[in-house]
Amino acid sequence: MKKIEAIIRKSKYRVVKEALHEVGVNFFSYWDVTGIGNEKEGHVYRGVSYSTSDIQRRYLSIVVNDSFAEATIQAIISSAGTGEVGDGKVFVSDVIDAYRIRTGNNGGDTLNK
């Protein structure tokens, strides 16, 4: 199993969620987060300067079976990208085991039902 964590623009969340549903990812957790990026200068919008040192993003946490990881990653990358600095990051790590609390069952089958 793989844990896929993605930090994306909040404005792209709806598109990413739909892309994940299209490839069969129907369960994941998310949080609103604030981070610090590489960009040091602020932006001016309609004459008002905005600091970009603290960046509002959405953090997704998804656990999938190994065979499903690549489709999940590609769904995120293709739907979250704008081509601009600050599109986000995707992190992938191994999950040793998963347990369903209701039944006590463990393993990859706990992710599908």
PDB file of N, CA and C in Angstrom:
ATOM      1  N   MET A   1       0.840  -1.177   0.000  1.00  0.00           N
ATOM      2  CA  MET A   1       0.000   0.000   0.000  1.00  0.00           C
ATOM      3  C   MET A   1       0.884   1.240   0.000  1.00  0.00           C
ATOM      4  N   LYS A   2       0.341   2.323  -0.540  1.00  0.00           N
ATOM      5  CA  LYS A   2       1.054   3.591  -0.601  1.00  0.00           C
ATOM      6  C   LYS A   2       0.211   4.690   0.031  1.00  0.00           C
ATOM      7  N   LYS A   3       0.889   5.584   0.710  1.00  0.00           N
ATOM      8  CA  LYS A   3       0.244   6.792   1.217  1.00  0.00           C
ATOM      9  C   LYS A   3       0.681   7.926   0.311  1.00  0.00           C
ATOM     10  N   ILE A   4      -0.286   8.596  -0.275  1.00  0.00           N
ATOM     11  CA  ILE A   4      -0.013   9.707  -1.169  1.00  0.00           C
ATOM     12  C   ILE A   4      -0.500  10.971  -0.473  1.00  0.00           C
ATOM     13  N   GLU A   5       0.432  11.879  -0.257  1.00  0.00           N
ATOM     14  CA  GLU A   5       0.114  13.148   0.366  1.00  0.00           C
ATOM     15  C   GLU A   5       0.363  14.243  -0.670  1.00  0.00           C
ATOM     16  N   ALA A   6      -0.589  15.126  -0.814  1.00  0.00           N
ATOM     17  CA  ALA A   6      -0.463  16.194  -1.806  1.00  0.00           C
ATOM     18  C   ALA A   6      -0.793  17.525  -1.156  1.00  0.00           C
ATOM     19  N   ILE A   7      -0.009  18.518  -1.494  1.00  0.00           N
ATOM     20  CA  ILE A   7      -0.276  19.889  -1.080  1.00  0.00           C
ATOM     21  C   ILE A   7      -0.602  20.645  -2.357  1.00  0.00           C
ATOM     22  N   ILE A   8      -1.830  21.149  -2.448  1.00  0.00           N
ATOM     23  CA  ILE A   8      -2.303  21.772  -3.689  1.00  0.00           C
ATOM     24  C   ILE A   8      -2.875  23.158  -3.395  1.00  0.00           C
ATOM     25  N   ARG A   9      -3.080  23.927  -4.456  1.00  0.00           N
ATOM     26  CA  ARG A   9      -3.770  25.213  -4.328  1.00  0.00           C
ATOM     27  C   ARG A   9      -5.213  24.953  -3.891  1.00  0.00           C
ATOM     28  N   LYS A  10      -5.718  25.776  -2.977  1.00  0.00           N
ATOM     29  CA  LYS A  10      -7.114  25.620  -2.550  1.00  0.00           C
ATOM     30  C   LYS A  10      -8.059  25.802  -3.725  1.00  0.00           C
ATOM     31  N   SER A  11      -7.687  26.658  -4.670  1.00  0.00           N
ATOM     32  CA  SER A  11      -8.553  26.923  -5.819  1.00  0.00           C
ATOM     33  C   SER A  11      -8.670  25.722  -6.755  1.00  0.00           C
ATOM     34  N   LYS A  12      -7.753  24.756  -6.661  1.00  0.00           N
ATOM     35  CA  LYS A  12      -7.777  23.578  -7.522  1.00  0.00           C
ATOM     36  C   LYS A  12      -8.414  22.369  -6.842  1.00  0.00           C
ATOM     37  N   TYR A  13      -8.855  22.510  -5.598  1.00  0.00           N
ATOM     38  CA  TYR A  13      -9.361  21.366  -4.847  1.00  0.00           C
ATOM     39  C   TYR A  13     -10.527  20.666  -5.546  1.00  0.00           C
ATOM     40  N   ARG A  14     -11.512  21.416  -6.001  1.00  0.00           N
ATOM     41  CA  ARG A  14     -12.699  20.807  -6.615  1.00  0.00           C
ATOM     42  C   ARG A  14     -12.316  19.993  -7.860  1.00  0.00           C
ATOM     43  N   VAL A  15     -11.414  20.536  -8.676  1.00  0.00           N
ATOM     44  CA  VAL A  15     -10.981  19.846  -9.901  1.00  0.00           C
ATOM     45  C   VAL A  15     -10.209  18.569  -9.540  1.00  0.00           C
ATOM     46  N   VAL A  16      -9.349  18.658  -8.537  1.00  0.00           N
ATOM     47  CA  VAL A  16      -8.579  17.487  -8.104  1.00  0.00           C
ATOM     48  C   VAL A  16      -9.509  16.428  -7.534  1.00  0.00           C
ATOM     49  N   LYS A  17     -10.474  16.836  -6.717  1.00  0.00           N
ATOM     50  CA  LYS A  17     -11.427  15.889  -6.139  1.00  0.00           C
ATOM     51  C   LYS A  17     -12.175  15.142  -7.242  1.00  0.00           C
ATOM     52  N   GLU A  18     -12.630  15.850  -8.258  1.00  0.00           N
ATOM     53  CA  GLU A  18     -13.340  15.218  -9.368  1.00  0.00           C
ATOM     54  C   GLU A  18     -12.427  14.264 -10.137  1.00  0.00           C
ATOM     55  N   ALA A  19     -11.167  14.652 -10.339  1.00  0.00           N
ATOM     56  CA  ALA A  19     -10.214  13.780 -11.037  1.00  0.00           C
ATOM     57  C   ALA A  19      -9.958  12.506 -10.235  1.00  0.00           C
ATOM     58  N   LEU A  20      -9.867  12.631  -8.913  1.00  0.00           N
ATOM     59  CA  LEU A  20      -9.672  11.452  -8.073  1.00  0.00           C
ATOM     60  C   LEU A  20     -10.889  10.533  -8.137  1.00  0.00           C
ATOM     61  N   HIS A  21     -12.085  11.095  -8.103  1.00  0.00           N
ATOM     62  CA  HIS A  21     -13.297  10.282  -8.213  1.00  0.00           C
ATOM     63  C   HIS A  21     -13.358   9.566  -9.565  1.00  0.00           C
ATOM     64  N   GLU A  22     -12.917  10.239 -10.622  1.00  0.00           N
ATOM     65  CA  GLU A  22     -12.930   9.628 -11.956  1.00  0.00           C
ATOM     66  C   GLU A  22     -12.034   8.404 -12.050  1.00  0.00           C
ATOM     67  N   VAL A  23     -10.920   8.386 -11.300  1.00  0.00           N
ATOM     68  CA  VAL A  23     -10.030   7.216 -11.341  1.00  0.00           C
ATOM     69  C   VAL A  23     -10.358   6.207 -10.246  1.00  0.00           C
ATOM     70  N   GLY A  24     -11.404   6.482  -9.459  1.00  0.00           N
ATOM     71  CA  GLY A  24     -11.850   5.506  -8.468  1.00  0.00           C
ATOM     72  C   GLY A  24     -11.406   5.747  -7.042  1.00  0.00           C
ATOM     73  N   VAL A  25     -10.816   6.893  -6.749  1.00  0.00           N
ATOM     74  CA  VAL A  25     -10.458   7.226  -5.364  1.00  0.00           C
ATOM     75  C   VAL A  25     -11.670   7.920  -4.759  1.00  0.00           C
ATOM     76  N   ASN A  26     -12.357   7.222  -3.885  1.00  0.00           N
ATOM     77  CA  ASN A  26     -13.596   7.738  -3.321  1.00  0.00           C
ATOM     78  C   ASN A  26     -13.492   8.094  -1.853  1.00  0.00           C
ATOM     79  N   PHE A  27     -12.315   7.865  -1.261  1.00  0.00           N
ATOM     80  CA  PHE A  27     -12.132   8.214   0.142  1.00  0.00           C
ATOM     81  C   PHE A  27     -10.747   8.801   0.329  1.00  0.00           C
ATOM     82  N   PHE A  28     -10.704   9.963   0.938  1.00  0.00           N
ATOM     83  CA  PHE A  28      -9.440  10.561   1.357  1.00  0.00           C
ATOM     84  C   PHE A  28      -9.741  11.628   2.394  1.00  0.00           C
ATOM     85  N   SER A  29      -8.713  12.056   3.096  1.00  0.00           N
ATOM     86  CA  SER A  29      -8.854  13.114   4.092  1.00  0.00           C
ATOM     87  C   SER A  29      -8.170  14.360   3.566  1.00  0.00           C
ATOM     88  N   TYR A  30      -8.621  15.520   4.041  1.00  0.00           N
ATOM     89  CA  TYR A  30      -7.963  16.761   3.649  1.00  0.00           C
ATOM     90  C   TYR A  30      -8.039  17.777   4.782  1.00  0.00           C
ATOM     91  N   TRP A  31      -7.081  18.705   4.756  1.00  0.00           N
ATOM     92  CA  TRP A  31      -6.997  19.775   5.735  1.00  0.00           C
ATOM     93  C   TRP A  31      -6.623  21.058   5.016  1.00  0.00           C
ATOM     94  N   ASP A  32      -7.079  22.180   5.553  1.00  0.00           N
ATOM     95  CA  ASP A  32      -6.580  23.472   5.104  1.00  0.00           C
ATOM     96  C   ASP A  32      -5.307  23.754   5.884  1.00  0.00           C
ATOM     97  N   VAL A  33      -4.247  24.107   5.178  1.00  0.00           N
ATOM     98  CA  VAL A  33      -2.948  24.323   5.805  1.00  0.00           C
ATOM     99  C   VAL A  33      -2.344  25.640   5.314  1.00  0.00           C
ATOM    100  N   THR A  34      -1.380  26.121   6.070  1.00  0.00           N
ATOM    101  CA  THR A  34      -0.604  27.290   5.681  1.00  0.00           C
ATOM    102  C   THR A  34       0.856  26.883   5.682  1.00  0.00           C
ATOM    103  N   GLY A  35       1.576  27.302   4.645  1.00  0.00           N
ATOM    104  CA  GLY A  35       2.988  26.958   4.551  1.00  0.00           C
ATOM    105  C   GLY A  35       3.794  28.136   4.058  1.00  0.00           C
ATOM    106  N   ILE A  36       5.074  27.912   3.983  1.00  0.00           N
ATOM    107  CA  ILE A  36       5.995  28.921   3.490  1.00  0.00           C
ATOM    108  C   ILE A  36       6.646  28.364   2.242  1.00  0.00           C
ATOM    109  N   GLY A  37       6.587  29.124   1.150  1.00  0.00           N
ATOM    110  CA  GLY A  37       7.155  28.681  -0.119  1.00  0.00           C
ATOM    111  C   GLY A  37       8.462  29.367  -0.438  1.00  0.00           C
ATOM    112  N   ASN A  38       8.961  29.112  -1.643  1.00  0.00           N
ATOM    113  CA  ASN A  38      10.226  29.688  -2.089  1.00  0.00           C
ATOM    114  C   ASN A  38      10.094  31.140  -2.516  1.00  0.00           C
ATOM    115  N   GLU A  39       8.900  31.557  -2.887  1.00  0.00           N
ATOM    116  CA  GLU A  39       8.710  32.903  -3.407  1.00  0.00           C
ATOM    117  C   GLU A  39       8.825  33.917  -2.274  1.00  0.00           C
ATOM    118  N   LYS A  40       9.691  34.916  -2.463  1.00  0.00           N
ATOM    119  CA  LYS A  40       9.953  35.899  -1.407  1.00  0.00           C
ATOM    120  C   LYS A  40       9.231  37.223  -1.619  1.00  0.00           C
ATOM    121  N   GLU A  41       8.829  37.535  -2.834  1.00  0.00           N
ATOM    122  CA  GLU A  41       8.192  38.810  -3.128  1.00  0.00           C
ATOM    123  C   GLU A  41       6.680  38.681  -3.046  1.00  0.00           C
ATOM    124  N   GLY A  42       6.023  39.778  -2.747  1.00  0.00           N
ATOM    125  CA  GLY A  42       4.576  39.798  -2.702  1.00  0.00           C
ATOM    126  C   GLY A  42       3.986  40.032  -4.087  1.00  0.00           C
ATOM    127  N   HIS A  43       2.690  39.902  -4.175  1.00  0.00           N
ATOM    128  CA  HIS A  43       1.966  40.157  -5.423  1.00  0.00           C
ATOM    129  C   HIS A  43       1.107  41.399  -5.248  1.00  0.00           C
ATOM    130  N   VAL A  44       0.886  42.114  -6.326  1.00  0.00           N
ATOM    131  CA  VAL A  44       0.001  43.264  -6.317  1.00  0.00           C
ATOM    132  C   VAL A  44      -1.235  42.894  -7.128  1.00  0.00           C
ATOM    133  N   TYR A  45      -2.401  43.027  -6.518  1.00  0.00           N
ATOM    134  CA  TYR A  45      -3.666  42.744  -7.183  1.00  0.00           C
ATOM    135  C   TYR A  45      -4.581  43.928  -6.961  1.00  0.00           C
ATOM    136  N   ARG A  46      -4.982  44.564  -8.066  1.00  0.00           N
ATOM    137  CA  ARG A  46      -5.849  45.742  -8.010  1.00  0.00           C
ATOM    138  C   ARG A  46      -5.280  46.817  -7.085  1.00  0.00           C
ATOM    139  N   GLY A  47      -3.987  47.005  -7.176  1.00  0.00           N
ATOM    140  CA  GLY A  47      -3.334  48.072  -6.424  1.00  0.00           C
ATOM    141  C   GLY A  47      -3.020  47.738  -4.980  1.00  0.00           C
ATOM    142  N   VAL A  48      -3.366  46.534  -4.529  1.00  0.00           N
ATOM    143  CA  VAL A  48      -3.106  46.138  -3.146  1.00  0.00           C
ATOM    144  C   VAL A  48      -2.015  45.072  -3.149  1.00  0.00           C
ATOM    145  N   SER A  49      -0.999  45.265  -2.311  1.00  0.00           N
ATOM    146  CA  SER A  49       0.104  44.309  -2.221  1.00  0.00           C
ATOM    147  C   SER A  49      -0.241  43.211  -1.226  1.00  0.00           C
ATOM    148  N   TYR A  50      -0.048  41.972  -1.655  1.00  0.00           N
ATOM    149  CA  TYR A  50      -0.324  40.819  -0.799  1.00  0.00           C
ATOM    150  C   TYR A  50       0.969  40.069  -0.536  1.00  0.00           C
ATOM    151  N   SER A  51       1.190  39.687   0.706  1.00  0.00           N
ATOM    152  CA  SER A  51       2.365  38.902   1.057  1.00  0.00           C
ATOM    153  C   SER A  51       2.153  37.462   0.609  1.00  0.00           C
ATOM    154  N   THR A  52       3.171  36.869   0.023  1.00  0.00           N
ATOM    155  CA  THR A  52       3.085  35.461  -0.373  1.00  0.00           C
ATOM    156  C   THR A  52       3.991  34.592   0.492  1.00  0.00           C
ATOM    157  N   SER A  53       4.480  35.150   1.609  1.00  0.00           N
ATOM    158  CA  SER A  53       5.357  34.346   2.457  1.00  0.00           C
ATOM    159  C   SER A  53       4.579  33.256   3.200  1.00  0.00           C
ATOM    160  N   ASP A  54       3.322  33.505   3.503  1.00  0.00           N
ATOM    161  CA  ASP A  54       2.458  32.487   4.103  1.00  0.00           C
ATOM    162  C   ASP A  54       1.420  32.115   3.058  1.00  0.00           C
ATOM    163  N   ILE A  55       1.430  30.851   2.630  1.00  0.00           N
ATOM    164  CA  ILE A  55       0.621  30.413   1.502  1.00  0.00           C
ATOM    165  C   ILE A  55      -0.485  29.486   1.988  1.00  0.00           C
ATOM    166  N   GLN A  56      -1.735  29.807   1.628  1.00  0.00           N
ATOM    167  CA  GLN A  56      -2.880  28.965   1.969  1.00  0.00           C
ATOM    168  C   GLN A  56      -2.971  27.816   0.961  1.00  0.00           C
ATOM    169  N   ARG A  57      -2.996  26.589   1.446  1.00  0.00           N
ATOM    170  CA  ARG A  57      -3.070  25.408   0.590  1.00  0.00           C
ATOM    171  C   ARG A  57      -4.019  24.388   1.206  1.00  0.00           C
ATOM    172  N   ARG A  58      -4.289  23.339   0.460  1.00  0.00           N
ATOM    173  CA  ARG A  58      -5.077  22.208   0.938  1.00  0.00           C
ATOM    174  C   ARG A  58      -4.176  20.988   0.908  1.00  0.00           C
ATOM    175  N   TYR A  59      -4.204  20.220   1.992  1.00  0.00           N
ATOM    176  CA  TYR A  59      -3.367  19.039   2.169  1.00  0.00           C
ATOM    177  C   TYR A  59      -4.256  17.803   2.051  1.00  0.00           C
ATOM    178  N   LEU A  60      -3.932  16.909   1.106  1.00  0.00           N
ATOM    179  CA  LEU A  60      -4.708  15.687   0.905  1.00  0.00           C
ATOM    180  C   LEU A  60      -3.907  14.490   1.399  1.00  0.00           C
ATOM    181  N   SER A  61      -4.564  13.560   2.025  1.00  0.00           N
ATOM    182  CA  SER A  61      -3.941  12.320   2.482  1.00  0.00           C
ATOM    183  C   SER A  61      -4.764  11.154   1.943  1.00  0.00           C
ATOM    184  N   ILE A  62      -4.117  10.316   1.115  1.00  0.00           N
ATOM    185  CA  ILE A  62      -4.812   9.233   0.425  1.00  0.00           C
ATOM    186  C   ILE A  62      -4.001   7.955   0.593  1.00  0.00           C
ATOM    187  N   VAL A  63      -4.640   6.847   0.940  1.00  0.00           N
ATOM    188  CA  VAL A  63      -3.969   5.550   1.009  1.00  0.00           C
ATOM    189  C   VAL A  63      -4.607   4.649  -0.035  1.00  0.00           C
ATOM    190  N   VAL A  64      -3.765   4.075  -0.912  1.00  0.00           N
ATOM    191  CA  VAL A  64      -4.246   3.212  -1.991  1.00  0.00           C
ATOM    192  C   VAL A  64      -3.374   1.965  -2.071  1.00  0.00           C
ATOM    193  N   ASN A  65      -3.894   0.937  -2.740  1.00  0.00           N
ATOM    194  CA  ASN A  65      -3.087  -0.246  -3.022  1.00  0.00           C
ATOM    195  C   ASN A  65      -1.989   0.123  -4.013  1.00  0.00           C
ATOM    196  N   ASP A  66      -0.886  -0.619  -3.973  1.00  0.00           N
ATOM    197  CA  ASP A  66       0.282  -0.325  -4.815  1.00  0.00           C
ATOM    198  C   ASP A  66      -0.083  -0.182  -6.290  1.00  0.00           C
ATOM    199  N   SER A  67      -0.941  -1.059  -6.775  1.00  0.00           N
ATOM    200  CA  SER A  67      -1.285  -1.050  -8.195  1.00  0.00           C
ATOM    201  C   SER A  67      -2.080   0.195  -8.599  1.00  0.00           C
ATOM    202  N   PHE A  68      -2.610   0.910  -7.643  1.00  0.00           N
ATOM    203  CA  PHE A  68      -3.448   2.065  -7.897  1.00  0.00           C
ATOM    204  C   PHE A  68      -2.722   3.387  -7.677  1.00  0.00           C
ATOM    205  N   ALA A  69      -1.491   3.317  -7.179  1.00  0.00           N
ATOM    206  CA  ALA A  69      -0.757   4.531  -6.810  1.00  0.00           C
ATOM    207  C   ALA A  69      -0.489   5.433  -8.010  1.00  0.00           C
ATOM    208  N   GLU A  70      -0.004   4.882  -9.112  1.00  0.00           N
ATOM    209  CA  GLU A  70       0.366   5.716 -10.268  1.00  0.00           C
ATOM    210  C   GLU A  70      -0.835   6.458 -10.847  1.00  0.00           C
ATOM    211  N   ALA A  71      -1.972   5.810 -10.952  1.00  0.00           N
ATOM    212  CA  ALA A  71      -3.176   6.473 -11.468  1.00  0.00           C
ATOM    213  C   ALA A  71      -3.598   7.616 -10.545  1.00  0.00           C
ATOM    214  N   THR A  72      -3.461   7.406  -9.247  1.00  0.00           N
ATOM    215  CA  THR A  72      -3.810   8.434  -8.272  1.00  0.00           C
ATOM    216  C   THR A  72      -2.879   9.633  -8.386  1.00  0.00           C
ATOM    217  N   ILE A  73      -1.583   9.367  -8.473  1.00  0.00           N
ATOM    218  CA  ILE A  73      -0.587  10.438  -8.592  1.00  0.00           C
ATOM    219  C   ILE A  73      -0.816  11.240  -9.875  1.00  0.00           C
ATOM    220  N   GLN A  74      -1.030  10.555 -10.982  1.00  0.00           N
ATOM    221  CA  GLN A  74      -1.240  11.250 -12.257  1.00  0.00           C
ATOM    222  C   GLN A  74      -2.522  12.068 -12.255  1.00  0.00           C
ATOM    223  N   ALA A  75      -3.560  11.585 -11.586  1.00  0.00           N
ATOM    224  CA  ALA A  75      -4.804  12.347 -11.484  1.00  0.00           C
ATOM    225  C   ALA A  75      -4.568  13.661 -10.742  1.00  0.00           C
ATOM    226  N   ILE A  76      -3.773  13.605  -9.684  1.00  0.00           N
ATOM    227  CA  ILE A  76      -3.473  14.818  -8.919  1.00  0.00           C
ATOM    228  C   ILE A  76      -2.632  15.780  -9.753  1.00  0.00           C
ATOM    229  N   ILE A  77      -1.551  15.276 -10.339  1.00  0.00           N
ATOM    230  CA  ILE A  77      -0.639  16.134 -11.092  1.00  0.00           C
ATOM    231  C   ILE A  77      -1.347  16.791 -12.279  1.00  0.00           C
ATOM    232  N   SER A  78      -2.128  16.012 -13.015  1.00  0.00           N
ATOM    233  CA  SER A  78      -2.760  16.563 -14.211  1.00  0.00           C
ATOM    234  C   SER A  78      -3.872  17.560 -13.883  1.00  0.00           C
ATOM    235  N   SER A  79      -4.526  17.410 -12.744  1.00  0.00           N
ATOM    236  CA  SER A  79      -5.635  18.298 -12.415  1.00  0.00           C
ATOM    237  C   SER A  79      -5.233  19.480 -11.531  1.00  0.00           C
ATOM    238  N   ALA A  80      -4.128  19.381 -10.817  1.00  0.00           N
ATOM    239  CA  ALA A  80      -3.730  20.448  -9.888  1.00  0.00           C
ATOM    240  C   ALA A  80      -2.804  21.476 -10.521  1.00  0.00           C
ATOM    241  N   GLY A  81      -2.214  21.144 -11.646  1.00  0.00           N
ATOM    242  CA  GLY A  81      -1.214  22.019 -12.239  1.00  0.00           C
ATOM    243  C   GLY A  81      -1.772  23.227 -12.951  1.00  0.00           C
ATOM    244  N   THR A  82      -1.079  24.358 -12.797  1.00  0.00           N
ATOM    245  CA  THR A  82      -1.380  25.571 -13.550  1.00  0.00           C
ATOM    246  C   THR A  82      -0.177  26.002 -14.382  1.00  0.00           C
ATOM    247  N   GLY A  83       0.984  25.404 -14.101  1.00  0.00           N
ATOM    248  CA  GLY A  83       2.208  25.802 -14.772  1.00  0.00           C
ATOM    249  C   GLY A  83       2.916  26.953 -14.084  1.00  0.00           C
ATOM    250  N   GLU A  84       2.366  27.424 -12.983  1.00  0.00           N
ATOM    251  CA  GLU A  84       2.936  28.546 -12.242  1.00  0.00           C
ATOM    252  C   GLU A  84       3.644  28.047 -10.983  1.00  0.00           C
ATOM    253  N   VAL A  85       4.523  28.876 -10.458  1.00  0.00           N
ATOM    254  CA  VAL A  85       5.173  28.586  -9.176  1.00  0.00           C
ATOM    255  C   VAL A  85       4.088  28.451  -8.115  1.00  0.00           C
ATOM    256  N   GLY A  86       4.207  27.450  -7.250  1.00  0.00           N
ATOM    257  CA  GLY A  86       3.251  27.281  -6.159  1.00  0.00           C
ATOM    258  C   GLY A  86       2.149  26.282  -6.422  1.00  0.00           C
ATOM    259  N   ASP A  87       2.285  25.477  -7.485  1.00  0.00           N
ATOM    260  CA  ASP A  87       1.259  24.468  -7.772  1.00  0.00           C
ATOM    261  C   ASP A  87       1.184  23.394  -6.695  1.00  0.00           C
ATOM    262  N   GLY A  88       2.274  23.128  -5.996  1.00  0.00           N
ATOM    263  CA  GLY A  88       2.240  22.178  -4.897  1.00  0.00           C
ATOM    264  C   GLY A  88       3.226  21.044  -5.040  1.00  0.00           C
ATOM    265  N   LYS A  89       3.042  20.032  -4.214  1.00  0.00           N
ATOM    266  CA  LYS A  89       3.927  18.868  -4.165  1.00  0.00           C
ATOM    267  C   LYS A  89       3.097  17.613  -3.917  1.00  0.00           C
ATOM    268  N   VAL A  90       3.652  16.468  -4.352  1.00  0.00           N
ATOM    269  CA  VAL A  90       3.067  15.156  -4.062  1.00  0.00           C
ATOM    270  C   VAL A  90       4.158  14.313  -3.416  1.00  0.00           C
ATOM    271  N   PHE A  91       3.843  13.677  -2.301  1.00  0.00           N
ATOM    272  CA  PHE A  91       4.774  12.813  -1.587  1.00  0.00           C
ATOM    273  C   PHE A  91       4.184  11.406  -1.535  1.00  0.00           C
ATOM    274  N   VAL A  92       5.029  10.396  -1.724  1.00  0.00           N
ATOM    275  CA  VAL A  92       4.581   9.010  -1.717  1.00  0.00           C
ATOM    276  C   VAL A  92       5.423   8.236  -0.705  1.00  0.00           C
ATOM    277  N   SER A  93       4.759   7.479   0.155  1.00  0.00           N
ATOM    278  CA  SER A  93       5.469   6.654   1.122  1.00  0.00           C
ATOM    279  C   SER A  93       4.773   5.298   1.252  1.00  0.00           C
ATOM    280  N   ASP A  94       5.503   4.325   1.770  1.00  0.00           N
ATOM    281  CA  ASP A  94       4.958   2.983   1.968  1.00  0.00           C
ATOM    282  C   ASP A  94       4.102   2.926   3.229  1.00  0.00           C
ATOM    283  N   VAL A  95       3.026   2.152   3.161  1.00  0.00           N
ATOM    284  CA  VAL A  95       2.178   1.875   4.319  1.00  0.00           C
ATOM    285  C   VAL A  95       2.351   0.399   4.634  1.00  0.00           C
ATOM    286  N   ILE A  96       2.732   0.089   5.836  1.00  0.00           N
ATOM    287  CA  ILE A  96       3.007  -1.291   6.225  1.00  0.00           C
ATOM    288  C   ILE A  96       1.730  -2.110   6.343  1.00  0.00           C
ATOM    289  N   ASP A  97       0.694  -1.532   6.939  1.00  0.00           N
ATOM    290  CA  ASP A  97      -0.551  -2.268   7.111  1.00  0.00           C
ATOM    291  C   ASP A  97      -1.696  -1.302   7.348  1.00  0.00           C
ATOM    292  N   ALA A  98      -2.913  -1.779   7.177  1.00  0.00           N
ATOM    293  CA  ALA A  98      -4.127  -1.014   7.454  1.00  0.00           C
ATOM    294  C   ALA A  98      -5.110  -1.947   8.141  1.00  0.00           C
ATOM    295  N   TYR A  99      -5.878  -1.403   9.070  1.00  0.00           N
ATOM    296  CA  TYR A  99      -6.872  -2.190   9.808  1.00  0.00           C
ATOM    297  C   TYR A  99      -8.227  -1.524   9.704  1.00  0.00           C
ATOM    298  N   ARG A 100      -9.240  -2.320   9.493  1.00  0.00           N
ATOM    299  CA  ARG A 100     -10.614  -1.817   9.540  1.00  0.00           C
ATOM    300  C   ARG A 100     -11.079  -1.949  10.982  1.00  0.00           C
ATOM    301  N   ILE A 101     -11.446  -0.847  11.586  1.00  0.00           N
ATOM    302  CA  ILE A 101     -11.818  -0.849  12.999  1.00  0.00           C
ATOM    303  C   ILE A 101     -13.047  -1.707  13.251  1.00  0.00           C
ATOM    304  N   ARG A 102     -14.046  -1.604  12.385  1.00  0.00           N
ATOM    305  CA  ARG A 102     -15.312  -2.325  12.596  1.00  0.00           C
ATOM    306  C   ARG A 102     -15.108  -3.829  12.683  1.00  0.00           C
ATOM    307  N   THR A 103     -14.286  -4.408  11.781  1.00  0.00           N
ATOM    308  CA  THR A 103     -14.139  -5.860  11.716  1.00  0.00           C
ATOM    309  C   THR A 103     -12.819  -6.381  12.259  1.00  0.00           C
ATOM    310  N   GLY A 104     -11.830  -5.507  12.351  1.00  0.00           N
ATOM    311  CA  GLY A 104     -10.501  -5.946  12.762  1.00  0.00           C
ATOM    312  C   GLY A 104      -9.686  -6.524  11.625  1.00  0.00           C
ATOM    313  N   ASN A 105     -10.269  -6.614  10.416  1.00  0.00           N
ATOM    314  CA  ASN A 105      -9.530  -7.117   9.251  1.00  0.00           C
ATOM    315  C   ASN A 105      -8.385  -6.172   8.931  1.00  0.00           C
ATOM    316  N   ASN A 106      -7.339  -6.762   8.309  1.00  0.00           N
ATOM    317  CA  ASN A 106      -6.217  -5.913   7.936  1.00  0.00           C
ATOM    318  C   ASN A 106      -5.767  -6.223   6.513  1.00  0.00           C
ATOM    319  N   GLY A 107      -4.889  -5.372   6.000  1.00  0.00           N
ATOM    320  CA  GLY A 107      -4.348  -5.547   4.666  1.00  0.00           C
ATOM    321  C   GLY A 107      -4.997  -4.635   3.650  1.00  0.00           C
ATOM    322  N   GLY A 108      -4.628  -4.816   2.402  1.00  0.00           N
ATOM    323  CA  GLY A 108      -5.095  -3.963   1.307  1.00  0.00           C
ATOM    324  C   GLY A 108      -6.583  -4.026   1.057  1.00  0.00           C
ATOM    325  N   ASP A 109      -7.233  -5.137   1.403  1.00  0.00           N
ATOM    326  CA  ASP A 109      -8.676  -5.233   1.187  1.00  0.00           C
ATOM    327  C   ASP A 109      -9.473  -4.251   2.045  1.00  0.00           C
ATOM    328  N   THR A 110      -8.864  -3.747   3.101  1.00  0.00           N
ATOM    329  CA  THR A 110      -9.581  -2.795   3.951  1.00  0.00           C
ATOM    330  C   THR A 110      -9.796  -1.461   3.237  1.00  0.00           C
ATOM    331  N   LEU A 111      -9.095  -1.224   2.145  1.00  0.00           N
ATOM    332  CA  LEU A 111      -9.207   0.054   1.436  1.00  0.00           C
ATOM    333  C   LEU A 111     -10.345   0.055   0.437  1.00  0.00           C
ATOM    334  N   ASN A 112     -10.859  -1.079   0.051  1.00  0.00           N
ATOM    335  CA  ASN A 112     -11.788  -1.170  -1.067  1.00  0.00           C
ATOM    336  C   ASN A 112     -13.252  -1.264  -0.674  1.00  0.00           C
ATOM    337  N   LYS A 113     -13.586  -1.610   0.525  1.00  0.00           N
ATOM    338  CA  LYS A 113     -14.984  -1.889   0.857  1.00  0.00           C
ATOM    339  C   LYS A 113     -15.461  -1.036   2.006  1.00  0.00           C
TER     340      LYS A 113
END
